[in-house]
Amino acid sequence: MHMPTLLSTAVLLAALAPQATPQAGREAYHVTPVEMLEVVGDYRLDDGGRLRVSQQGRRVFAELGGARIEVRPVAPLVFVSGDRKLRLVFTPMAFATGVLVTRTG
């Protein structure tokens, strides 16, 4: 089983508000199936929490502490929330994938 790990994280509980969703008309990047294999999974966070990234059809979701937010790809292995406050940058490594989670704004 592919077990992602976390490179580093910022506080993101506030960024994972259930009401936040991407807005139509934002720039889009087409994610390849290989990229999605690198992204989807569970990530252990520095603070002991877990980030889960899941896919439903063409939609991608980030989940933490019971909150779930849709994120959209904007570049290879880079996803942002509709309000641009959450950014996930994935880094493939040998036998794992790291993710840098940042909160902006």
Protein backbone atom coordinates (compact mmCIF):
# COMPACT_ATOMS: atom_id res chain seq x y z
CA MET A 1 0.00 0.00 0.00
CA HIS A 2 1.24 3.46 -0.91
CA MET A 3 1.78 5.35 2.38
CA PRO A 4 2.32 9.09 1.91
CA THR A 5 4.27 11.07 4.48
CA LEU A 6 4.34 14.75 5.35
CA LEU A 7 7.33 16.99 4.71
CA SER A 8 5.93 19.91 6.72
CA THR A 9 2.65 21.56 7.54
CA ALA A 10 1.13 24.86 8.63
CA VAL A 11 -1.95 25.29 10.78
CA LEU A 12 -4.82 24.43 8.50
CA LEU A 13 -7.84 23.61 10.63
CA ALA A 14 -9.30 27.06 9.95
CA ALA A 15 -8.57 26.70 6.25
CA LEU A 16 -10.56 23.47 6.04
CA ALA A 17 -13.92 25.12 6.58
CA PRO A 18 -16.73 22.96 5.16
CA GLN A 19 -18.33 25.92 3.37
CA ALA A 20 -15.27 26.68 1.25
CA THR A 21 -15.53 25.36 -2.30
CA PRO A 22 -13.68 26.22 -5.51
CA GLN A 23 -15.31 28.82 -7.70
CA ALA A 24 -16.13 28.27 -11.34
CA GLY A 25 -13.86 30.06 -13.76
CA ARG A 26 -10.62 29.57 -11.84
CA GLU A 27 -7.61 28.40 -13.81
CA ALA A 28 -7.58 24.66 -14.33
CA TYR A 29 -4.89 22.08 -14.76
CA HIS A 30 -5.61 18.59 -16.05
CA VAL A 31 -4.37 15.98 -13.57
CA THR A 32 -3.08 12.79 -15.12
CA PRO A 33 -3.98 9.40 -13.62
CA VAL A 34 -0.33 8.94 -12.61
CA GLU A 35 -0.36 12.25 -10.72
CA MET A 36 -3.54 11.24 -8.90
CA LEU A 37 -1.82 8.03 -7.76
CA GLU A 38 0.81 10.25 -6.11
CA VAL A 39 -1.77 12.51 -4.45
CA VAL A 40 -4.64 10.36 -3.13
CA GLY A 41 -4.04 8.91 0.31
CA ASP A 42 -3.55 9.56 4.01
CA TYR A 43 -0.81 11.85 5.30
CA ARG A 44 0.46 12.05 8.88
CA LEU A 45 0.85 15.65 10.00
CA ASP A 46 3.52 17.18 12.22
CA ASP A 47 0.91 17.95 14.89
CA GLY A 48 -0.26 14.32 15.05
CA GLY A 49 -3.33 14.84 12.88
CA ARG A 50 -4.04 13.28 9.52
CA LEU A 51 -4.75 14.76 6.13
CA ARG A 52 -6.75 12.56 3.78
CA VAL A 53 -6.87 13.36 0.08
CA SER A 54 -9.61 11.59 -1.85
CA GLN A 55 -11.07 11.68 -5.33
CA GLN A 56 -14.69 11.35 -6.42
CA GLY A 57 -14.90 11.36 -10.18
CA ARG A 58 -13.08 14.51 -11.28
CA ARG A 59 -13.33 16.18 -7.86
CA VAL A 60 -10.54 16.11 -5.26
CA PHE A 61 -11.10 16.63 -1.54
CA ALA A 62 -8.83 17.34 1.43
CA GLU A 63 -10.10 16.15 4.82
CA LEU A 64 -8.78 16.99 8.28
CA GLY A 65 -10.41 16.73 11.68
CA GLY A 66 -13.83 15.99 10.23
CA ALA A 67 -13.75 18.99 7.86
CA ARG A 68 -13.78 18.39 4.12
CA ILE A 69 -12.89 20.90 1.41
CA GLU A 70 -12.73 20.59 -2.34
CA VAL A 71 -9.38 21.48 -3.89
CA ARG A 72 -8.54 21.98 -7.54
CA PRO A 73 -5.30 21.40 -9.40
CA VAL A 74 -3.51 24.52 -10.65
CA ALA A 75 -0.18 22.95 -11.66
CA PRO A 76 1.45 19.52 -11.62
CA LEU A 77 0.95 18.13 -8.09
CA VAL A 78 -0.33 21.51 -6.78
CA PHE A 79 -3.90 21.95 -5.49
CA VAL A 80 -5.68 24.97 -3.98
CA SER A 81 -9.04 25.60 -2.38
CA GLY A 82 -11.57 27.84 -4.09
CA ASP A 83 -10.87 30.69 -1.69
CA ARG A 84 -7.11 30.21 -2.29
CA LYS A 85 -6.45 29.91 1.46
CA LEU A 86 -5.32 26.29 1.32
CA ARG A 87 -2.49 25.08 -0.89
CA LEU A 88 -1.22 21.50 -1.15
CA VAL A 89 2.07 20.86 -2.93
CA PHE A 90 2.93 17.17 -3.38
CA THR A 91 6.46 15.83 -3.82
CA PRO A 92 6.93 12.25 -5.01
CA MET A 93 9.77 10.46 -3.23
CA ALA A 94 11.01 6.89 -3.19
CA PHE A 95 8.22 4.71 -1.72
CA ALA A 96 6.17 7.71 -0.49
CA THR A 97 4.81 11.14 -1.36
CA GLY A 98 5.39 14.22 0.76
CA VAL A 99 3.02 17.17 0.95
CA LEU A 100 3.64 20.77 1.95
CA VAL A 101 0.44 22.25 3.36
CA THR A 102 0.24 26.02 3.59
CA ARG A 103 -2.46 28.41 4.62
CA THR A 104 -2.52 31.84 3.03
CA GLY A 105 -4.56 34.96 3.57
